[in-house]
Amino acid sequence: GLLLHAPRGTKRRGWLVALALIAFTCGVLMRHNGAFAAGPALLLAFAPQRLRQFWWSLLVSALVTVVLALAGQVANKSAFGAEPSRVEDSLLLFDLIGIAQGARDAAVFGPKSAVTLRDVDVCYSPAMWDTMAPWGRCAWFPEKAGAKLLDQPELIAGGVVPAADTKALWFSAMAQYPWDYAIHRVRHMNAELLLFVSTRPRNGIVPVTPAELVPDSPVKLAAKHTLGVVFIPAVAVVMALFAFVLLFLRVRLPNASSLLVWTGLSMAGAGMLYAGSYSVIGVAIAPRYYLLTAVLGGVALSVALADEGVRMILREKRWLA
């Protein structure tokens, strides 16, 4: 919104761009994978026409992600005095147990670990890491693997997380079993998108509690059997992808001068990159993780379908429609 009101050559552009950059910074500091979505927005701010150069803009977005992620780490430690909670060990353990399950090798947890393949089979789920969380059925697993995790109340009370070499083991396991790591990640991403999985409540769309076992109202029935099936994360990603394709074709035309079109293209790209971040750092199923992608993709698709140039493309390319 700020960048839409910051046309080049106006006196207020500098202030509006500065405010937008502050918003980007806050977003990345508050949610680490916000860095994945920042690249297309920064291109929109400083070089919108570069968005029509697909590989160049993708490379810039990747570099922006790396720089902002590292800068966020430095800022959190030096500027805000954040203490390490080793919360990232949940991701590392999730990947390690996924690799161990696929490779049938419990040695990936290192020489200090007492984890067996039977433990792996009991505790691994491609859907989420929560089986190993302090509230999960295998709360004992991290400590047995040599990486004790503290629950939030323990961290708030000042609990100190024991040192662990989980990160080094993670890199080593990925290098040794790249195929098993990739399969584990694909299985988890599929579960996150709720694509080739059951869409029943037990998969996290509508949680089932004893209170919900009473007869459902029409609104609850609609949510379970309509919203829960149609508005899955995969739909949000496809919507952003379709909007991106349409708007990318549009800006390749000679007369693509509308800032709204460039903004829609930037939003669709940011939405897809943000969703894509979960293929690397995702640890649990939660459709709310894809709300940003749904909002950005929805607005971008609205922009696309409202543009006469896009509608002309759809008339000419019937296969695309």
C-alpha atoms as a PDB file:
ATOM      1  CA  GLY A   1       0.000   0.000   0.000  1.00  0.00           C
ATOM      2  CA  LEU A   2       2.827   2.400   0.853  1.00  0.00           C
ATOM      3  CA  LEU A   3       4.697   1.591  -2.344  1.00  0.00           C
ATOM      4  CA  LEU A   4       1.573   2.056  -4.456  1.00  0.00           C
ATOM      5  CA  HIS A   5       1.400   5.604  -3.118  1.00  0.00           C
ATOM      6  CA  ALA A   6       5.086   6.273  -3.760  1.00  0.00           C
ATOM      7  CA  PRO A   7       5.392   7.018  -7.491  1.00  0.00           C
ATOM      8  CA  ARG A   8       8.850   7.918  -8.762  1.00  0.00           C
ATOM      9  CA  GLY A   9       9.725  11.568  -9.033  1.00  0.00           C
ATOM     10  CA  THR A  10       7.531  12.740  -6.130  1.00  0.00           C
ATOM     11  CA  LYS A  11       8.822  14.375  -2.945  1.00  0.00           C
ATOM     12  CA  ARG A  12       7.075  11.945  -0.628  1.00  0.00           C
ATOM     13  CA  ARG A  13       8.549   8.825  -2.242  1.00  0.00           C
ATOM     14  CA  GLY A  14      11.574   8.720   0.068  1.00  0.00           C
ATOM     15  CA  TRP A  15       9.448   8.822   3.209  1.00  0.00           C
ATOM     16  CA  LEU A  16       7.002   6.213   1.979  1.00  0.00           C
ATOM     17  CA  VAL A  17       9.745   3.840   0.845  1.00  0.00           C
ATOM     18  CA  ALA A  18      11.455   4.288   4.231  1.00  0.00           C
ATOM     19  CA  LEU A  19       8.226   3.384   6.031  1.00  0.00           C
ATOM     20  CA  ALA A  20       7.817   0.343   3.784  1.00  0.00           C
ATOM     21  CA  LEU A  21      11.363  -0.792   4.572  1.00  0.00           C
ATOM     22  CA  ILE A  22      10.651  -0.441   8.286  1.00  0.00           C
ATOM     23  CA  ALA A  23       7.550  -2.622   7.785  1.00  0.00           C
ATOM     24  CA  PHE A  24       9.657  -5.252   5.957  1.00  0.00           C
ATOM     25  CA  THR A  25      12.218  -5.176   8.771  1.00  0.00           C
ATOM     26  CA  CYS A  26       9.572  -5.624  11.471  1.00  0.00           C
ATOM     27  CA  GLY A  27       8.024  -8.505   9.560  1.00  0.00           C
ATOM     28  CA  VAL A  28      11.336 -10.349   9.222  1.00  0.00           C
ATOM     29  CA  LEU A  29      12.247  -9.781  12.877  1.00  0.00           C
ATOM     30  CA  MET A  30       8.872 -11.041  14.081  1.00  0.00           C
ATOM     31  CA  ARG A  31       8.732 -14.135  11.866  1.00  0.00           C
ATOM     32  CA  HIS A  32      11.983 -15.546  10.558  1.00  0.00           C
ATOM     33  CA  ASN A  33      10.624 -16.872   7.266  1.00  0.00           C
ATOM     34  CA  GLY A  34       9.319 -13.392   6.438  1.00  0.00           C
ATOM     35  CA  ALA A  35      12.744 -13.009   4.829  1.00  0.00           C
ATOM     36  CA  PHE A  36      11.589 -15.343   2.030  1.00  0.00           C
ATOM     37  CA  ALA A  37       8.792 -12.941   1.047  1.00  0.00           C
ATOM     38  CA  ALA A  38      10.801  -9.710   1.167  1.00  0.00           C
ATOM     39  CA  GLY A  39      12.684 -10.006  -2.138  1.00  0.00           C
ATOM     40  CA  PRO A  40       9.792  -9.287  -4.545  1.00  0.00           C
ATOM     41  CA  ALA A  41       8.629  -6.415  -2.312  1.00  0.00           C
ATOM     42  CA  LEU A  42      12.074  -4.791  -2.368  1.00  0.00           C
ATOM     43  CA  LEU A  43      12.237  -5.202  -6.141  1.00  0.00           C
ATOM     44  CA  LEU A  44       8.861  -3.482  -6.351  1.00  0.00           C
ATOM     45  CA  ALA A  45      10.281  -0.596  -4.306  1.00  0.00           C
ATOM     46  CA  PHE A  46      13.449  -0.014  -6.279  1.00  0.00           C
ATOM     47  CA  ALA A  47      13.300  -1.801  -9.654  1.00  0.00           C
ATOM     48  CA  PRO A  48       9.766  -3.004 -10.477  1.00  0.00           C
ATOM     49  CA  GLN A  49      10.520  -3.635 -14.153  1.00  0.00           C
ATOM     50  CA  ARG A  50      13.203  -6.131 -13.149  1.00  0.00           C
ATOM     51  CA  LEU A  51      10.343  -8.400 -12.021  1.00  0.00           C
ATOM     52  CA  ARG A  52       9.821  -9.348 -15.669  1.00  0.00           C
ATOM     53  CA  GLN A  53      13.311 -10.962 -15.640  1.00  0.00           C
ATOM     54  CA  PHE A  54      12.363 -14.199 -13.920  1.00  0.00           C
ATOM     55  CA  TRP A  55      15.726 -15.795 -13.113  1.00  0.00           C
ATOM     56  CA  TRP A  56      17.356 -12.472 -12.222  1.00  0.00           C
ATOM     57  CA  SER A  57      14.580 -11.522  -9.813  1.00  0.00           C
ATOM     58  CA  LEU A  58      14.602 -15.044  -8.311  1.00  0.00           C
ATOM     59  CA  LEU A  59      18.354 -14.782  -7.680  1.00  0.00           C
ATOM     60  CA  VAL A  60      17.966 -11.343  -6.085  1.00  0.00           C
ATOM     61  CA  SER A  61      15.133 -12.644  -3.907  1.00  0.00           C
ATOM     62  CA  ALA A  62      17.333 -15.541  -2.749  1.00  0.00           C
ATOM     63  CA  LEU A  63      20.165 -13.150  -1.864  1.00  0.00           C
ATOM     64  CA  VAL A  64      17.747 -10.856  -0.006  1.00  0.00           C
ATOM     65  CA  THR A  65      16.467 -13.850   1.960  1.00  0.00           C
ATOM     66  CA  VAL A  66      19.977 -14.859   3.048  1.00  0.00           C
ATOM     67  CA  VAL A  67      21.033 -11.303   3.959  1.00  0.00           C
ATOM     68  CA  LEU A  68      17.865 -10.538   5.916  1.00  0.00           C
ATOM     69  CA  ALA A  69      17.902 -13.885   7.726  1.00  0.00           C
ATOM     70  CA  LEU A  70      21.495 -13.310   8.856  1.00  0.00           C
ATOM     71  CA  ALA A  71      20.819  -9.668   9.710  1.00  0.00           C
ATOM     72  CA  GLY A  72      17.797 -10.713  11.760  1.00  0.00           C
ATOM     73  CA  GLN A  73      19.932 -13.127  13.769  1.00  0.00           C
ATOM     74  CA  VAL A  74      22.532 -10.427  14.460  1.00  0.00           C
ATOM     75  CA  ALA A  75      19.869  -7.870  15.385  1.00  0.00           C
ATOM     76  CA  ASN A  76      18.073 -10.224  17.746  1.00  0.00           C
ATOM     77  CA  LYS A  77      21.283 -11.031  19.617  1.00  0.00           C
ATOM     78  CA  SER A  78      23.100  -7.686  19.611  1.00  0.00           C
ATOM     79  CA  ALA A  79      20.327  -5.078  19.463  1.00  0.00           C
ATOM     80  CA  PHE A  80      17.588  -6.838  21.424  1.00  0.00           C
ATOM     81  CA  GLY A  81      19.681  -9.067  23.686  1.00  0.00           C
ATOM     82  CA  ALA A  82      17.779 -12.251  22.842  1.00  0.00           C
ATOM     83  CA  GLU A  83      18.975 -15.357  24.659  1.00  0.00           C
ATOM     84  CA  PRO A  84      19.231 -18.620  22.672  1.00  0.00           C
ATOM     85  CA  SER A  85      16.396 -21.041  23.419  1.00  0.00           C
ATOM     86  CA  ARG A  86      17.548 -23.651  20.867  1.00  0.00           C
ATOM     87  CA  VAL A  87      13.996 -23.744  19.549  1.00  0.00           C
ATOM     88  CA  GLU A  88      15.525 -24.540  16.145  1.00  0.00           C
ATOM     89  CA  ASP A  89      16.431 -27.974  17.499  1.00  0.00           C
ATOM     90  CA  SER A  90      12.807 -28.970  16.889  1.00  0.00           C
ATOM     91  CA  LEU A  91      13.411 -28.530  13.136  1.00  0.00           C
ATOM     92  CA  LEU A  92      16.801 -30.249  13.240  1.00  0.00           C
ATOM     93  CA  LEU A  93      15.468 -33.234  15.204  1.00  0.00           C
ATOM     94  CA  PHE A  94      12.468 -33.491  12.893  1.00  0.00           C
ATOM     95  CA  ASP A  95      14.734 -33.701   9.863  1.00  0.00           C
ATOM     96  CA  LEU A  96      17.114 -36.125  11.592  1.00  0.00           C
ATOM     97  CA  ILE A  97      14.329 -38.524  12.554  1.00  0.00           C
ATOM     98  CA  GLY A  98      12.915 -38.287   9.010  1.00  0.00           C
ATOM     99  CA  ILE A  99      16.321 -39.136   7.544  1.00  0.00           C
ATOM    100  CA  ALA A 100      16.812 -41.961  10.053  1.00  0.00           C
ATOM    101  CA  GLN A 101      13.418 -43.423   9.197  1.00  0.00           C
ATOM    102  CA  GLY A 102      14.104 -43.353   5.456  1.00  0.00           C
ATOM    103  CA  ALA A 103      17.734 -44.476   5.595  1.00  0.00           C
ATOM    104  CA  ARG A 104      17.102 -46.998   8.394  1.00  0.00           C
ATOM    105  CA  ASP A 105      20.113 -45.587  10.231  1.00  0.00           C
ATOM    106  CA  ALA A 106      19.797 -44.352  13.819  1.00  0.00           C
ATOM    107  CA  ALA A 107      23.493 -43.395  13.796  1.00  0.00           C
ATOM    108  CA  VAL A 108      22.576 -40.016  12.272  1.00  0.00           C
ATOM    109  CA  PHE A 109      21.846 -38.816  15.833  1.00  0.00           C
ATOM    110  CA  GLY A 110      25.536 -39.113  16.696  1.00  0.00           C
ATOM    111  CA  PRO A 111      27.655 -41.171  19.082  1.00  0.00           C
ATOM    112  CA  LYS A 112      26.067 -39.633  22.208  1.00  0.00           C
ATOM    113  CA  SER A 113      22.593 -40.756  21.189  1.00  0.00           C
ATOM    114  CA  ALA A 114      20.796 -43.815  22.580  1.00  0.00           C
ATOM    115  CA  VAL A 115      18.030 -43.687  19.953  1.00  0.00           C
ATOM    116  CA  THR A 116      17.145 -46.978  18.237  1.00  0.00           C
ATOM    117  CA  LEU A 117      15.310 -47.629  14.984  1.00  0.00           C
ATOM    118  CA  ARG A 118      12.363 -48.852  17.048  1.00  0.00           C
ATOM    119  CA  ASP A 119      12.257 -45.410  18.731  1.00  0.00           C
ATOM    120  CA  VAL A 120      12.316 -43.818  15.288  1.00  0.00           C
ATOM    121  CA  ASP A 121       9.423 -45.951  14.036  1.00  0.00           C
ATOM    122  CA  VAL A 122       7.357 -45.210  17.143  1.00  0.00           C
ATOM    123  CA  CYS A 123       7.952 -41.449  17.144  1.00  0.00           C
ATOM    124  CA  TYR A 124       8.294 -40.367  13.502  1.00  0.00           C
ATOM    125  CA  SER A 125       5.392 -38.746  11.693  1.00  0.00           C
ATOM    126  CA  PRO A 126       5.891 -36.875   8.397  1.00  0.00           C
ATOM    127  CA  ALA A 127       3.005 -34.608   9.385  1.00  0.00           C
ATOM    128  CA  MET A 128       4.608 -32.839  12.332  1.00  0.00           C
ATOM    129  CA  TRP A 129       7.427 -32.852  14.867  1.00  0.00           C
ATOM    130  CA  ASP A 130       5.037 -32.559  17.827  1.00  0.00           C
ATOM    131  CA  THR A 131       5.384 -36.242  18.718  1.00  0.00           C
ATOM    132  CA  MET A 132       8.813 -35.291  20.133  1.00  0.00           C
ATOM    133  CA  ALA A 133       7.680 -32.048  21.791  1.00  0.00           C
ATOM    134  CA  PRO A 134       7.391 -31.714  25.581  1.00  0.00           C
ATOM    135  CA  TRP A 135       3.643 -32.246  25.111  1.00  0.00           C
ATOM    136  CA  GLY A 136       4.005 -35.148  22.637  1.00  0.00           C
ATOM    137  CA  ARG A 137       3.811 -38.896  23.116  1.00  0.00           C
ATOM    138  CA  CYS A 138       7.606 -39.143  22.697  1.00  0.00           C
ATOM    139  CA  ALA A 139       8.622 -36.257  24.957  1.00  0.00           C
ATOM    140  CA  TRP A 140      11.610 -38.377  26.017  1.00  0.00           C
ATOM    141  CA  PHE A 141      13.011 -38.583  22.471  1.00  0.00           C
ATOM    142  CA  PRO A 142      15.065 -35.325  22.287  1.00  0.00           C
ATOM    143  CA  GLU A 143      16.934 -36.040  25.517  1.00  0.00           C
ATOM    144  CA  LYS A 144      17.621 -39.606  24.382  1.00  0.00           C
ATOM    145  CA  ALA A 145      18.984 -38.119  21.149  1.00  0.00           C
ATOM    146  CA  GLY A 146      21.223 -35.764  23.130  1.00  0.00           C
ATOM    147  CA  ALA A 147      19.263 -32.535  22.593  1.00  0.00           C
ATOM    148  CA  LYS A 148      16.949 -31.793  25.517  1.00  0.00           C
ATOM    149  CA  LEU A 149      14.188 -29.291  24.686  1.00  0.00           C
ATOM    150  CA  LEU A 150      12.569 -26.996  27.221  1.00  0.00           C
ATOM    151  CA  ASP A 151       8.878 -26.144  27.202  1.00  0.00           C
ATOM    152  CA  GLN A 152       7.788 -22.487  27.220  1.00  0.00           C
ATOM    153  CA  PRO A 153       7.099 -22.349  30.996  1.00  0.00           C
ATOM    154  CA  GLU A 154      10.610 -23.699  31.648  1.00  0.00           C
ATOM    155  CA  LEU A 155      12.169 -21.097  29.350  1.00  0.00           C
ATOM    156  CA  ILE A 156      10.116 -18.284  30.922  1.00  0.00           C
ATOM    157  CA  ALA A 157      11.236 -19.456  34.358  1.00  0.00           C
ATOM    158  CA  GLY A 158      14.845 -19.025  33.246  1.00  0.00           C
ATOM    159  CA  GLY A 159      15.705 -22.597  32.353  1.00  0.00           C
ATOM    160  CA  VAL A 160      19.029 -22.987  30.534  1.00  0.00           C
ATOM    161  CA  VAL A 161      19.028 -25.236  27.480  1.00  0.00           C
ATOM    162  CA  PRO A 162      21.927 -27.731  27.539  1.00  0.00           C
ATOM    163  CA  ALA A 163      24.416 -27.424  24.701  1.00  0.00           C
ATOM    164  CA  ALA A 164      24.056 -29.932  21.870  1.00  0.00           C
ATOM    165  CA  ASP A 165      25.761 -30.604  18.538  1.00  0.00           C
ATOM    166  CA  THR A 166      22.458 -31.077  16.699  1.00  0.00           C
ATOM    167  CA  LYS A 167      23.290 -28.624  13.926  1.00  0.00           C
ATOM    168  CA  ALA A 168      26.532 -30.395  12.984  1.00  0.00           C
ATOM    169  CA  LEU A 169      24.713 -33.753  12.974  1.00  0.00           C
ATOM    170  CA  TRP A 170      21.984 -32.215  10.793  1.00  0.00           C
ATOM    171  CA  PHE A 171      24.473 -31.055   8.148  1.00  0.00           C
ATOM    172  CA  SER A 172      26.252 -34.404   8.250  1.00  0.00           C
ATOM    173  CA  ALA A 173      23.023 -36.406   7.863  1.00  0.00           C
ATOM    174  CA  MET A 174      21.835 -34.299   4.920  1.00  0.00           C
ATOM    175  CA  ALA A 175      25.205 -34.735   3.189  1.00  0.00           C
ATOM    176  CA  GLN A 176      25.188 -38.493   3.816  1.00  0.00           C
ATOM    177  CA  TYR A 177      21.539 -39.150   2.916  1.00  0.00           C
ATOM    178  CA  PRO A 178      20.360 -36.324   0.613  1.00  0.00           C
ATOM    179  CA  TRP A 179      17.714 -38.515  -1.057  1.00  0.00           C
ATOM    180  CA  ASP A 180      16.137 -39.557   2.247  1.00  0.00           C
ATOM    181  CA  TYR A 181      16.162 -35.934   3.421  1.00  0.00           C
ATOM    182  CA  ALA A 182      14.409 -34.862   0.199  1.00  0.00           C
ATOM    183  CA  ILE A 183      11.761 -37.601   0.522  1.00  0.00           C
ATOM    184  CA  HIS A 184      11.107 -36.640   4.147  1.00  0.00           C
ATOM    185  CA  ARG A 185      10.713 -32.973   3.153  1.00  0.00           C
ATOM    186  CA  VAL A 186       8.373 -33.781   0.235  1.00  0.00           C
ATOM    187  CA  ARG A 187       6.205 -35.962   2.479  1.00  0.00           C
ATOM    188  CA  HIS A 188       6.000 -33.209   5.063  1.00  0.00           C
ATOM    189  CA  MET A 189       5.228 -30.504   2.484  1.00  0.00           C
ATOM    190  CA  ASN A 190       2.428 -32.661   1.100  1.00  0.00           C
ATOM    191  CA  ALA A 191       1.005 -32.974   4.616  1.00  0.00           C
ATOM    192  CA  GLU A 192       1.294 -29.199   5.144  1.00  0.00           C
ATOM    193  CA  LEU A 193      -0.550 -28.519   1.899  1.00  0.00           C
ATOM    194  CA  LEU A 194      -3.168 -31.129   2.893  1.00  0.00           C
ATOM    195  CA  LEU A 195      -2.948 -32.296  -0.696  1.00  0.00           C
ATOM    196  CA  PHE A 196      -2.730 -36.097  -0.992  1.00  0.00           C
ATOM    197  CA  VAL A 197      -3.882 -36.705   2.561  1.00  0.00           C
ATOM    198  CA  SER A 198      -7.204 -37.214   4.287  1.00  0.00           C
ATOM    199  CA  THR A 199      -8.995 -33.933   4.989  1.00  0.00           C
ATOM    200  CA  ARG A 200     -10.753 -35.339   8.018  1.00  0.00           C
ATOM    201  CA  PRO A 201     -10.571 -33.311  11.246  1.00  0.00           C
ATOM    202  CA  ARG A 202      -7.763 -35.405  12.694  1.00  0.00           C
ATOM    203  CA  ASN A 203      -5.382 -33.891  10.126  1.00  0.00           C
ATOM    204  CA  GLY A 204      -5.604 -30.496  11.747  1.00  0.00           C
ATOM    205  CA  ILE A 205      -8.267 -28.647   9.758  1.00  0.00           C
ATOM    206  CA  VAL A 206     -10.891 -28.845  12.485  1.00  0.00           C
ATOM    207  CA  PRO A 207      -9.621 -30.264  15.788  1.00  0.00           C
ATOM    208  CA  VAL A 208     -11.867 -32.779  17.492  1.00  0.00           C
ATOM    209  CA  THR A 209     -12.464 -32.380  21.231  1.00  0.00           C
ATOM    210  CA  PRO A 210     -15.077 -34.107  23.434  1.00  0.00           C
ATOM    211  CA  ALA A 211     -17.161 -30.927  23.323  1.00  0.00           C
ATOM    212  CA  GLU A 212     -17.436 -31.236  19.531  1.00  0.00           C
ATOM    213  CA  LEU A 213     -18.874 -34.749  19.628  1.00  0.00           C
ATOM    214  CA  VAL A 214     -22.364 -33.286  20.079  1.00  0.00           C
ATOM    215  CA  PRO A 215     -24.477 -32.913  16.897  1.00  0.00           C
ATOM    216  CA  ASP A 216     -23.043 -30.188  14.679  1.00  0.00           C
ATOM    217  CA  SER A 217     -24.814 -26.983  13.767  1.00  0.00           C
ATOM    218  CA  PRO A 218     -25.207 -26.161  10.050  1.00  0.00           C
ATOM    219  CA  VAL A 219     -22.320 -23.663  10.344  1.00  0.00           C
ATOM    220  CA  LYS A 220     -19.970 -26.307  11.770  1.00  0.00           C
ATOM    221  CA  LEU A 221     -21.024 -28.816   9.134  1.00  0.00           C
ATOM    222  CA  ALA A 222     -20.287 -26.250   6.412  1.00  0.00           C
ATOM    223  CA  ALA A 223     -16.862 -25.545   7.912  1.00  0.00           C
ATOM    224  CA  LYS A 224     -15.944 -29.220   8.128  1.00  0.00           C
ATOM    225  CA  HIS A 225     -17.212 -30.381   4.748  1.00  0.00           C
ATOM    226  CA  THR A 226     -16.805 -27.254   2.606  1.00  0.00           C
ATOM    227  CA  LEU A 227     -14.246 -24.816   3.977  1.00  0.00           C
ATOM    228  CA  GLY A 228     -12.060 -27.613   5.328  1.00  0.00           C
ATOM    229  CA  VAL A 229     -11.841 -29.270   1.916  1.00  0.00           C
ATOM    230  CA  VAL A 230     -11.853 -26.344  -0.524  1.00  0.00           C
ATOM    231  CA  PHE A 231      -9.690 -23.845   1.352  1.00  0.00           C
ATOM    232  CA  ILE A 232      -6.713 -26.085   1.983  1.00  0.00           C
ATOM    233  CA  PRO A 233      -3.217 -24.559   1.744  1.00  0.00           C
ATOM    234  CA  ALA A 234      -2.653 -26.186  -1.670  1.00  0.00           C
ATOM    235  CA  VAL A 235      -5.472 -24.045  -3.076  1.00  0.00           C
ATOM    236  CA  ALA A 236      -3.849 -20.859  -1.758  1.00  0.00           C
ATOM    237  CA  VAL A 237      -0.532 -21.801  -3.373  1.00  0.00           C
ATOM    238  CA  VAL A 238      -2.161 -22.627  -6.714  1.00  0.00           C
ATOM    239  CA  MET A 239      -4.072 -19.321  -6.611  1.00  0.00           C
ATOM    240  CA  ALA A 240      -0.823 -17.394  -6.081  1.00  0.00           C
ATOM    241  CA  LEU A 241       0.889 -19.415  -8.818  1.00  0.00           C
ATOM    242  CA  PHE A 242      -1.907 -18.785 -11.337  1.00  0.00           C
ATOM    243  CA  ALA A 243      -1.924 -15.059 -10.520  1.00  0.00           C
ATOM    244  CA  PHE A 244       1.855 -14.960 -10.962  1.00  0.00           C
ATOM    245  CA  VAL A 245       1.706 -16.670 -14.371  1.00  0.00           C
ATOM    246  CA  LEU A 246      -1.019 -14.324 -15.632  1.00  0.00           C
ATOM    247  CA  LEU A 247       0.694 -11.163 -14.394  1.00  0.00           C
ATOM    248  CA  PHE A 248       4.114 -12.314 -15.589  1.00  0.00           C
ATOM    249  CA  LEU A 249       2.708 -12.784 -19.093  1.00  0.00           C
ATOM    250  CA  ARG A 250       1.078  -9.373 -18.763  1.00  0.00           C
ATOM    251  CA  VAL A 251       4.256  -7.469 -17.865  1.00  0.00           C
ATOM    252  CA  ARG A 252       6.060  -9.083 -20.792  1.00  0.00           C
ATOM    253  CA  LEU A 253       3.762  -7.121 -23.100  1.00  0.00           C
ATOM    254  CA  PRO A 254       5.061  -3.732 -24.351  1.00  0.00           C
ATOM    255  CA  ASN A 255       2.393  -1.590 -22.625  1.00  0.00           C
ATOM    256  CA  ALA A 256       2.696  -2.975 -19.071  1.00  0.00           C
ATOM    257  CA  SER A 257       3.015   0.368 -17.267  1.00  0.00           C
ATOM    258  CA  SER A 258       0.393   0.006 -14.530  1.00  0.00           C
ATOM    259  CA  LEU A 259       1.958   0.095 -11.078  1.00  0.00           C
ATOM    260  CA  LEU A 260      -0.984  -1.981  -9.849  1.00  0.00           C
ATOM    261  CA  VAL A 261       0.014  -4.784 -12.235  1.00  0.00           C
ATOM    262  CA  TRP A 262       3.621  -4.676 -11.011  1.00  0.00           C
ATOM    263  CA  THR A 263       2.373  -4.703  -7.417  1.00  0.00           C
ATOM    264  CA  GLY A 264       0.156  -7.731  -8.076  1.00  0.00           C
ATOM    265  CA  LEU A 265       3.095  -9.568  -9.659  1.00  0.00           C
ATOM    266  CA  SER A 266       5.276  -8.743  -6.638  1.00  0.00           C
ATOM    267  CA  MET A 267       2.579  -9.939  -4.223  1.00  0.00           C
ATOM    268  CA  ALA A 268       2.061 -13.229  -6.061  1.00  0.00           C
ATOM    269  CA  GLY A 269       5.813 -13.864  -6.115  1.00  0.00           C
ATOM    270  CA  ALA A 270       6.152 -13.043  -2.416  1.00  0.00           C
ATOM    271  CA  GLY A 271       3.233 -15.336  -1.579  1.00  0.00           C
ATOM    272  CA  MET A 272       4.768 -18.288  -3.398  1.00  0.00           C
ATOM    273  CA  LEU A 273       8.232 -17.765  -1.920  1.00  0.00           C
ATOM    274  CA  TYR A 274       6.741 -17.509   1.568  1.00  0.00           C
ATOM    275  CA  ALA A 275       4.814 -20.750   1.055  1.00  0.00           C
ATOM    276  CA  GLY A 276       7.935 -22.359  -0.368  1.00  0.00           C
ATOM    277  CA  SER A 277       9.866 -21.562   2.797  1.00  0.00           C
ATOM    278  CA  TYR A 278       7.895 -24.268   4.610  1.00  0.00           C
ATOM    279  CA  SER A 279       9.376 -26.906   2.309  1.00  0.00           C
ATOM    280  CA  VAL A 280      12.654 -26.257   4.137  1.00  0.00           C
ATOM    281  CA  ILE A 281      11.664 -25.070   7.620  1.00  0.00           C
ATOM    282  CA  GLY A 282       8.163 -26.528   8.094  1.00  0.00           C
ATOM    283  CA  VAL A 283       7.684 -28.703  11.178  1.00  0.00           C
ATOM    284  CA  ALA A 284       3.904 -28.946  11.635  1.00  0.00           C
ATOM    285  CA  ILE A 285       0.528 -28.827   9.899  1.00  0.00           C
ATOM    286  CA  ALA A 286      -1.319 -25.550  10.400  1.00  0.00           C
ATOM    287  CA  PRO A 287      -3.362 -24.007   7.562  1.00  0.00           C
ATOM    288  CA  ARG A 288      -2.887 -20.583   9.222  1.00  0.00           C
ATOM    289  CA  TYR A 289       0.750 -20.708   8.067  1.00  0.00           C
ATOM    290  CA  TYR A 290      -0.568 -20.113   4.542  1.00  0.00           C
ATOM    291  CA  LEU A 291      -2.841 -17.174   5.309  1.00  0.00           C
ATOM    292  CA  LEU A 292      -0.249 -14.694   4.009  1.00  0.00           C
ATOM    293  CA  THR A 293       0.013 -16.657   0.755  1.00  0.00           C
ATOM    294  CA  ALA A 294      -3.802 -16.766   0.520  1.00  0.00           C
ATOM    295  CA  VAL A 295      -4.136 -13.003   1.037  1.00  0.00           C
ATOM    296  CA  LEU A 296      -1.313 -12.050  -1.335  1.00  0.00           C
ATOM    297  CA  GLY A 297      -2.419 -14.560  -3.968  1.00  0.00           C
ATOM    298  CA  GLY A 298      -6.068 -13.515  -3.673  1.00  0.00           C
ATOM    299  CA  VAL A 299      -5.301  -9.819  -4.120  1.00  0.00           C
ATOM    300  CA  ALA A 300      -2.901 -10.562  -6.979  1.00  0.00           C
ATOM    301  CA  LEU A 301      -5.503 -12.716  -8.742  1.00  0.00           C
ATOM    302  CA  SER A 302      -8.088  -9.948  -8.330  1.00  0.00           C
ATOM    303  CA  VAL A 303      -5.648  -7.471  -9.850  1.00  0.00           C
ATOM    304  CA  ALA A 304      -4.967  -9.859 -12.736  1.00  0.00           C
ATOM    305  CA  LEU A 305      -8.609 -10.573 -13.586  1.00  0.00           C
ATOM    306  CA  ALA A 306      -9.450  -6.852 -13.402  1.00  0.00           C
ATOM    307  CA  ASP A 307      -6.793  -5.974 -15.972  1.00  0.00           C
ATOM    308  CA  GLU A 308      -7.862  -5.782 -19.598  1.00  0.00           C
ATOM    309  CA  GLY A 309      -4.448  -6.945 -20.797  1.00  0.00           C
ATOM    310  CA  VAL A 310      -4.739 -10.131 -18.744  1.00  0.00           C
ATOM    311  CA  ARG A 311      -8.257 -10.761 -20.006  1.00  0.00           C
ATOM    312  CA  MET A 312      -6.936 -10.396 -23.565  1.00  0.00           C
ATOM    313  CA  ILE A 313      -4.257 -12.995 -22.794  1.00  0.00           C
ATOM    314  CA  LEU A 314      -6.922 -15.386 -21.481  1.00  0.00           C
ATOM    315  CA  ARG A 315      -9.008 -14.870 -24.628  1.00  0.00           C
ATOM    316  CA  GLU A 316      -5.998 -15.613 -26.842  1.00  0.00           C
ATOM    317  CA  LYS A 317      -4.585 -18.509 -24.796  1.00  0.00           C
ATOM    318  CA  ARG A 318      -7.635 -20.693 -24.212  1.00  0.00           C
ATOM    319  CA  TRP A 319      -5.471 -23.504 -22.828  1.00  0.00           C
ATOM    320  CA  LEU A 320      -4.350 -21.163 -20.030  1.00  0.00           C
ATOM    321  CA  ALA A 321      -7.942 -20.275 -19.128  1.00  0.00           C
END
